[in-house]
């Protein structure tokens, strides 16, 4: 497995071991841990579907990046920084999938995502843009892997902060 996605999978696995009673805790106006994990799961399954479309088409489906997309990709993929406050695309927002399904399938989805990206690497090369990110524009498979690591770590950090706040609240 690609090192970026392997690290992502390790971080997600660690979060899955948090106490189950904390999974539904949510600060006002924010997502719970279960919803954050569902969001991540939806981004992985959405990426898999996108790469399936690329393979079915037999060619990359990437467009030409705009200047704004190039800058955004540089910040997120190049510098590894995901700015807070961006609203998730509709298709990646939690919709109430059973938490058990998400928890049991999320690491498998990361592995499946790596596998389909590896197939695209073999067919189109890892340096060719193959598929557009909804906000950041066209990515290579290498950029997609790094994006998912940066995005996943961003949310894992949110989960850890949420659990620290919840633990402090419950101890007082």
C-alpha atoms as a PDB file:
ATOM      1  CA  UNK A   1       0.000   0.000   0.000  1.00  0.00           C
ATOM      2  CA  UNK A   2       1.103   3.554  -0.707  1.00  0.00           C
ATOM      3  CA  UNK A   3       2.786   5.098   2.399  1.00  0.00           C
ATOM      4  CA  UNK A   4       0.359   8.065   2.488  1.00  0.00           C
ATOM      5  CA  UNK A   5      -2.693   5.814   2.503  1.00  0.00           C
ATOM      6  CA  UNK A   6      -1.054   3.353   4.897  1.00  0.00           C
ATOM      7  CA  UNK A   7      -0.481   6.196   7.376  1.00  0.00           C
ATOM      8  CA  UNK A   8      -4.060   7.356   6.855  1.00  0.00           C
ATOM      9  CA  UNK A   9      -5.366   3.860   7.527  1.00  0.00           C
ATOM     10  CA  UNK A  10      -3.301   3.653  10.755  1.00  0.00           C
ATOM     11  CA  UNK A  11      -4.660   6.981  11.983  1.00  0.00           C
ATOM     12  CA  UNK A  12      -8.262   6.008  11.205  1.00  0.00           C
ATOM     13  CA  UNK A  13      -7.783   2.644  12.939  1.00  0.00           C
ATOM     14  CA  UNK A  14      -6.571   4.446  16.074  1.00  0.00           C
ATOM     15  CA  UNK A  15      -9.688   6.641  16.069  1.00  0.00           C
ATOM     16  CA  UNK A  16     -11.948   3.614  15.689  1.00  0.00           C
ATOM     17  CA  UNK A  17     -10.648   2.381  19.043  1.00  0.00           C
ATOM     18  CA  UNK A  18     -12.083   5.344  20.939  1.00  0.00           C
ATOM     19  CA  UNK A  19     -14.838   4.609  23.473  1.00  0.00           C
ATOM     20  CA  UNK A  20     -18.147   4.000  21.645  1.00  0.00           C
ATOM     21  CA  UNK A  21     -20.145   6.225  24.027  1.00  0.00           C
ATOM     22  CA  UNK A  22     -18.213   9.225  22.705  1.00  0.00           C
ATOM     23  CA  UNK A  23     -19.012   8.625  19.034  1.00  0.00           C
ATOM     24  CA  UNK A  24     -22.260  10.614  19.041  1.00  0.00           C
ATOM     25  CA  UNK A  25     -21.008  13.539  21.179  1.00  0.00           C
ATOM     26  CA  UNK A  26     -21.169  16.745  19.188  1.00  0.00           C
ATOM     27  CA  UNK A  27     -20.411  20.377  19.881  1.00  0.00           C
ATOM     28  CA  UNK A  28     -23.145  22.793  18.799  1.00  0.00           C
ATOM     29  CA  UNK A  29     -23.131  23.212  15.024  1.00  0.00           C
ATOM     30  CA  UNK A  30     -20.389  20.594  14.503  1.00  0.00           C
ATOM     31  CA  UNK A  31     -20.286  16.967  13.427  1.00  0.00           C
ATOM     32  CA  UNK A  32     -19.959  14.073  15.852  1.00  0.00           C
ATOM     33  CA  UNK A  33     -17.097  11.579  15.543  1.00  0.00           C
ATOM     34  CA  UNK A  34     -19.458   9.141  13.817  1.00  0.00           C
ATOM     35  CA  UNK A  35     -20.430  11.848  11.308  1.00  0.00           C
ATOM     36  CA  UNK A  36     -16.798  12.841  10.673  1.00  0.00           C
ATOM     37  CA  UNK A  37     -15.931   9.200   9.980  1.00  0.00           C
ATOM     38  CA  UNK A  38     -18.949   8.894   7.693  1.00  0.00           C
ATOM     39  CA  UNK A  39     -17.783  12.006   5.830  1.00  0.00           C
ATOM     40  CA  UNK A  40     -14.321  10.473   5.365  1.00  0.00           C
ATOM     41  CA  UNK A  41     -15.860   7.172   4.264  1.00  0.00           C
ATOM     42  CA  UNK A  42     -17.990   9.004   1.696  1.00  0.00           C
ATOM     43  CA  UNK A  43     -14.924  10.793   0.320  1.00  0.00           C
ATOM     44  CA  UNK A  44     -13.150   7.438  -0.091  1.00  0.00           C
ATOM     45  CA  UNK A  45     -16.088   5.729  -1.796  1.00  0.00           C
ATOM     46  CA  UNK A  46     -16.628   8.815  -3.961  1.00  0.00           C
ATOM     47  CA  UNK A  47     -12.995   8.771  -5.045  1.00  0.00           C
ATOM     48  CA  UNK A  48     -13.272   5.065  -5.855  1.00  0.00           C
ATOM     49  CA  UNK A  49     -16.316   5.775  -8.056  1.00  0.00           C
ATOM     50  CA  UNK A  50     -14.426   8.569  -9.799  1.00  0.00           C
ATOM     51  CA  UNK A  51     -11.498   6.305 -10.559  1.00  0.00           C
ATOM     52  CA  UNK A  52     -13.889   3.597 -11.766  1.00  0.00           C
ATOM     53  CA  UNK A  53     -15.228   6.158 -14.273  1.00  0.00           C
ATOM     54  CA  UNK A  54     -11.665   6.913 -15.396  1.00  0.00           C
ATOM     55  CA  UNK A  55     -10.929   3.228 -15.975  1.00  0.00           C
ATOM     56  CA  UNK A  56     -14.261   2.690 -17.747  1.00  0.00           C
ATOM     57  CA  UNK A  57     -13.546   5.652 -20.048  1.00  0.00           C
ATOM     58  CA  UNK A  58     -10.082   4.294 -20.769  1.00  0.00           C
ATOM     59  CA  UNK A  59      -8.602   7.770 -20.414  1.00  0.00           C
ATOM     60  CA  UNK A  60      -8.014  10.466 -17.792  1.00  0.00           C
ATOM     61  CA  UNK A  61     -11.065  12.627 -17.072  1.00  0.00           C
ATOM     62  CA  UNK A  62      -9.093  15.557 -15.669  1.00  0.00           C
ATOM     63  CA  UNK A  63      -9.708  19.083 -16.859  1.00  0.00           C
ATOM     64  CA  UNK A  64      -7.181  21.919 -17.115  1.00  0.00           C
ATOM     65  CA  UNK A  65      -6.591  23.514 -13.691  1.00  0.00           C
ATOM     66  CA  UNK A  66      -7.425  27.151 -13.059  1.00  0.00           C
ATOM     67  CA  UNK A  67      -4.977  29.399 -11.225  1.00  0.00           C
ATOM     68  CA  UNK A  68      -7.182  29.238  -8.105  1.00  0.00           C
ATOM     69  CA  UNK A  69      -7.164  25.418  -8.258  1.00  0.00           C
ATOM     70  CA  UNK A  70      -3.372  25.341  -8.693  1.00  0.00           C
ATOM     71  CA  UNK A  71      -2.907  27.551  -5.632  1.00  0.00           C
ATOM     72  CA  UNK A  72      -5.389  25.489  -3.592  1.00  0.00           C
ATOM     73  CA  UNK A  73      -3.693  22.244  -4.594  1.00  0.00           C
ATOM     74  CA  UNK A  74      -0.293  23.701  -3.690  1.00  0.00           C
ATOM     75  CA  UNK A  75      -1.529  24.666  -0.219  1.00  0.00           C
ATOM     76  CA  UNK A  76      -3.275  21.357   0.500  1.00  0.00           C
ATOM     77  CA  UNK A  77      -1.181  18.792  -1.345  1.00  0.00           C
ATOM     78  CA  UNK A  78       2.117  20.655  -1.574  1.00  0.00           C
ATOM     79  CA  UNK A  79       2.256  22.193   1.908  1.00  0.00           C
ATOM     80  CA  UNK A  80      -0.019  19.650   3.617  1.00  0.00           C
ATOM     81  CA  UNK A  81      -2.331  22.300   5.045  1.00  0.00           C
ATOM     82  CA  UNK A  82      -6.113  22.031   4.889  1.00  0.00           C
ATOM     83  CA  UNK A  83      -7.726  25.363   5.822  1.00  0.00           C
ATOM     84  CA  UNK A  84     -10.682  25.068   8.184  1.00  0.00           C
ATOM     85  CA  UNK A  85     -14.142  26.307   7.358  1.00  0.00           C
ATOM     86  CA  UNK A  86     -14.696  24.888   3.871  1.00  0.00           C
ATOM     87  CA  UNK A  87     -18.103  23.249   3.579  1.00  0.00           C
ATOM     88  CA  UNK A  88     -17.997  19.658   2.342  1.00  0.00           C
ATOM     89  CA  UNK A  89     -19.474  18.902  -1.078  1.00  0.00           C
ATOM     90  CA  UNK A  90     -23.068  17.669  -0.862  1.00  0.00           C
ATOM     91  CA  UNK A  91     -22.127  14.100  -1.813  1.00  0.00           C
ATOM     92  CA  UNK A  92     -19.596  13.916   1.045  1.00  0.00           C
ATOM     93  CA  UNK A  93     -21.837  15.220   3.835  1.00  0.00           C
ATOM     94  CA  UNK A  94     -23.001  12.739   6.477  1.00  0.00           C
ATOM     95  CA  UNK A  95     -26.408  11.315   5.685  1.00  0.00           C
ATOM     96  CA  UNK A  96     -26.958   8.910   8.542  1.00  0.00           C
ATOM     97  CA  UNK A  97     -25.279   5.721   7.342  1.00  0.00           C
ATOM     98  CA  UNK A  98     -25.171   3.141  10.139  1.00  0.00           C
ATOM     99  CA  UNK A  99     -22.014   3.762  12.183  1.00  0.00           C
ATOM    100  CA  UNK A 100     -21.291   0.016  12.264  1.00  0.00           C
ATOM    101  CA  UNK A 101     -21.190  -0.076   8.453  1.00  0.00           C
ATOM    102  CA  UNK A 102     -18.857   2.930   8.262  1.00  0.00           C
ATOM    103  CA  UNK A 103     -16.558   1.619  11.006  1.00  0.00           C
ATOM    104  CA  UNK A 104     -16.350  -1.877   9.523  1.00  0.00           C
ATOM    105  CA  UNK A 105     -15.764  -0.682   5.939  1.00  0.00           C
ATOM    106  CA  UNK A 106     -13.702   2.513   6.188  1.00  0.00           C
ATOM    107  CA  UNK A 107     -10.250   0.868   6.264  1.00  0.00           C
ATOM    108  CA  UNK A 108     -11.286  -1.506   3.485  1.00  0.00           C
ATOM    109  CA  UNK A 109     -12.364   1.525   1.423  1.00  0.00           C
ATOM    110  CA  UNK A 110      -8.905   3.084   1.871  1.00  0.00           C
ATOM    111  CA  UNK A 111      -7.295  -0.159   0.636  1.00  0.00           C
ATOM    112  CA  UNK A 112      -9.719  -0.322  -2.306  1.00  0.00           C
ATOM    113  CA  UNK A 113      -8.962   3.302  -3.144  1.00  0.00           C
ATOM    114  CA  UNK A 114      -5.226   2.519  -3.160  1.00  0.00           C
ATOM    115  CA  UNK A 115      -5.791  -0.503  -5.383  1.00  0.00           C
ATOM    116  CA  UNK A 116      -7.799   1.369  -8.014  1.00  0.00           C
ATOM    117  CA  UNK A 117      -5.289   4.235  -8.006  1.00  0.00           C
ATOM    118  CA  UNK A 118      -2.506   1.694  -8.555  1.00  0.00           C
ATOM    119  CA  UNK A 119      -4.427   0.360 -11.577  1.00  0.00           C
ATOM    120  CA  UNK A 120      -4.716   3.907 -12.921  1.00  0.00           C
ATOM    121  CA  UNK A 121      -0.972   4.433 -12.332  1.00  0.00           C
ATOM    122  CA  UNK A 122      -0.241   1.370 -14.449  1.00  0.00           C
ATOM    123  CA  UNK A 123      -2.540   2.529 -17.239  1.00  0.00           C
ATOM    124  CA  UNK A 124      -1.936   6.306 -17.302  1.00  0.00           C
ATOM    125  CA  UNK A 125       1.229   6.892 -15.260  1.00  0.00           C
ATOM    126  CA  UNK A 126       1.443   8.423 -11.804  1.00  0.00           C
ATOM    127  CA  UNK A 127       2.458  11.864 -13.113  1.00  0.00           C
ATOM    128  CA  UNK A 128      -0.605  12.458 -15.289  1.00  0.00           C
ATOM    129  CA  UNK A 129      -3.662  14.245 -13.940  1.00  0.00           C
ATOM    130  CA  UNK A 130      -6.482  11.751 -14.103  1.00  0.00           C
ATOM    131  CA  UNK A 131      -9.456  13.011 -12.072  1.00  0.00           C
ATOM    132  CA  UNK A 132     -10.740  16.325 -10.735  1.00  0.00           C
ATOM    133  CA  UNK A 133     -11.198  17.084  -7.063  1.00  0.00           C
ATOM    134  CA  UNK A 134     -14.477  19.024  -6.567  1.00  0.00           C
ATOM    135  CA  UNK A 135     -12.666  22.152  -5.275  1.00  0.00           C
ATOM    136  CA  UNK A 136      -8.991  21.706  -6.046  1.00  0.00           C
ATOM    137  CA  UNK A 137      -9.225  20.609  -9.664  1.00  0.00           C
ATOM    138  CA  UNK A 138      -7.316  17.904 -11.494  1.00  0.00           C
ATOM    139  CA  UNK A 139      -4.992  15.640  -9.523  1.00  0.00           C
ATOM    140  CA  UNK A 140      -2.524  12.893 -10.316  1.00  0.00           C
ATOM    141  CA  UNK A 141      -2.932   9.674  -8.340  1.00  0.00           C
ATOM    142  CA  UNK A 142       0.016  10.769  -6.189  1.00  0.00           C
ATOM    143  CA  UNK A 143      -1.779  14.030  -5.410  1.00  0.00           C
ATOM    144  CA  UNK A 144      -5.003  12.175  -4.650  1.00  0.00           C
ATOM    145  CA  UNK A 145      -3.206   9.974  -2.112  1.00  0.00           C
ATOM    146  CA  UNK A 146      -1.567  12.962  -0.424  1.00  0.00           C
ATOM    147  CA  UNK A 147      -4.876  14.870  -0.413  1.00  0.00           C
ATOM    148  CA  UNK A 148      -6.638  12.009   1.369  1.00  0.00           C
ATOM    149  CA  UNK A 149      -3.849  11.851   3.969  1.00  0.00           C
ATOM    150  CA  UNK A 150      -3.959  15.620   4.627  1.00  0.00           C
ATOM    151  CA  UNK A 151      -7.767  15.636   4.690  1.00  0.00           C
ATOM    152  CA  UNK A 152      -7.938  12.564   6.924  1.00  0.00           C
ATOM    153  CA  UNK A 153      -5.362  13.917   9.393  1.00  0.00           C
ATOM    154  CA  UNK A 154      -7.293  17.204   9.539  1.00  0.00           C
ATOM    155  CA  UNK A 155     -10.408  15.314  10.648  1.00  0.00           C
ATOM    156  CA  UNK A 156      -8.541  12.921  12.964  1.00  0.00           C
ATOM    157  CA  UNK A 157      -7.209  16.007  14.762  1.00  0.00           C
ATOM    158  CA  UNK A 158     -10.783  17.337  15.058  1.00  0.00           C
ATOM    159  CA  UNK A 159     -11.883  14.009  16.538  1.00  0.00           C
ATOM    160  CA  UNK A 160      -9.060  14.018  19.088  1.00  0.00           C
ATOM    161  CA  UNK A 161      -9.865  17.590  20.155  1.00  0.00           C
ATOM    162  CA  UNK A 162     -13.560  16.688  20.425  1.00  0.00           C
ATOM    163  CA  UNK A 163     -12.726  13.733  22.678  1.00  0.00           C
ATOM    164  CA  UNK A 164     -10.371  15.783  24.864  1.00  0.00           C
ATOM    165  CA  UNK A 165     -13.095  18.399  25.383  1.00  0.00           C
ATOM    166  CA  UNK A 166     -15.675  15.692  26.092  1.00  0.00           C
ATOM    167  CA  UNK A 167     -13.349  13.933  28.559  1.00  0.00           C
ATOM    168  CA  UNK A 168     -12.668  17.195  30.420  1.00  0.00           C
ATOM    169  CA  UNK A 169     -16.402  17.980  30.516  1.00  0.00           C
ATOM    170  CA  UNK A 170     -17.217  14.509  31.858  1.00  0.00           C
ATOM    171  CA  UNK A 171     -14.499  14.699  34.526  1.00  0.00           C
ATOM    172  CA  UNK A 172     -15.905  17.889  36.042  1.00  0.00           C
END
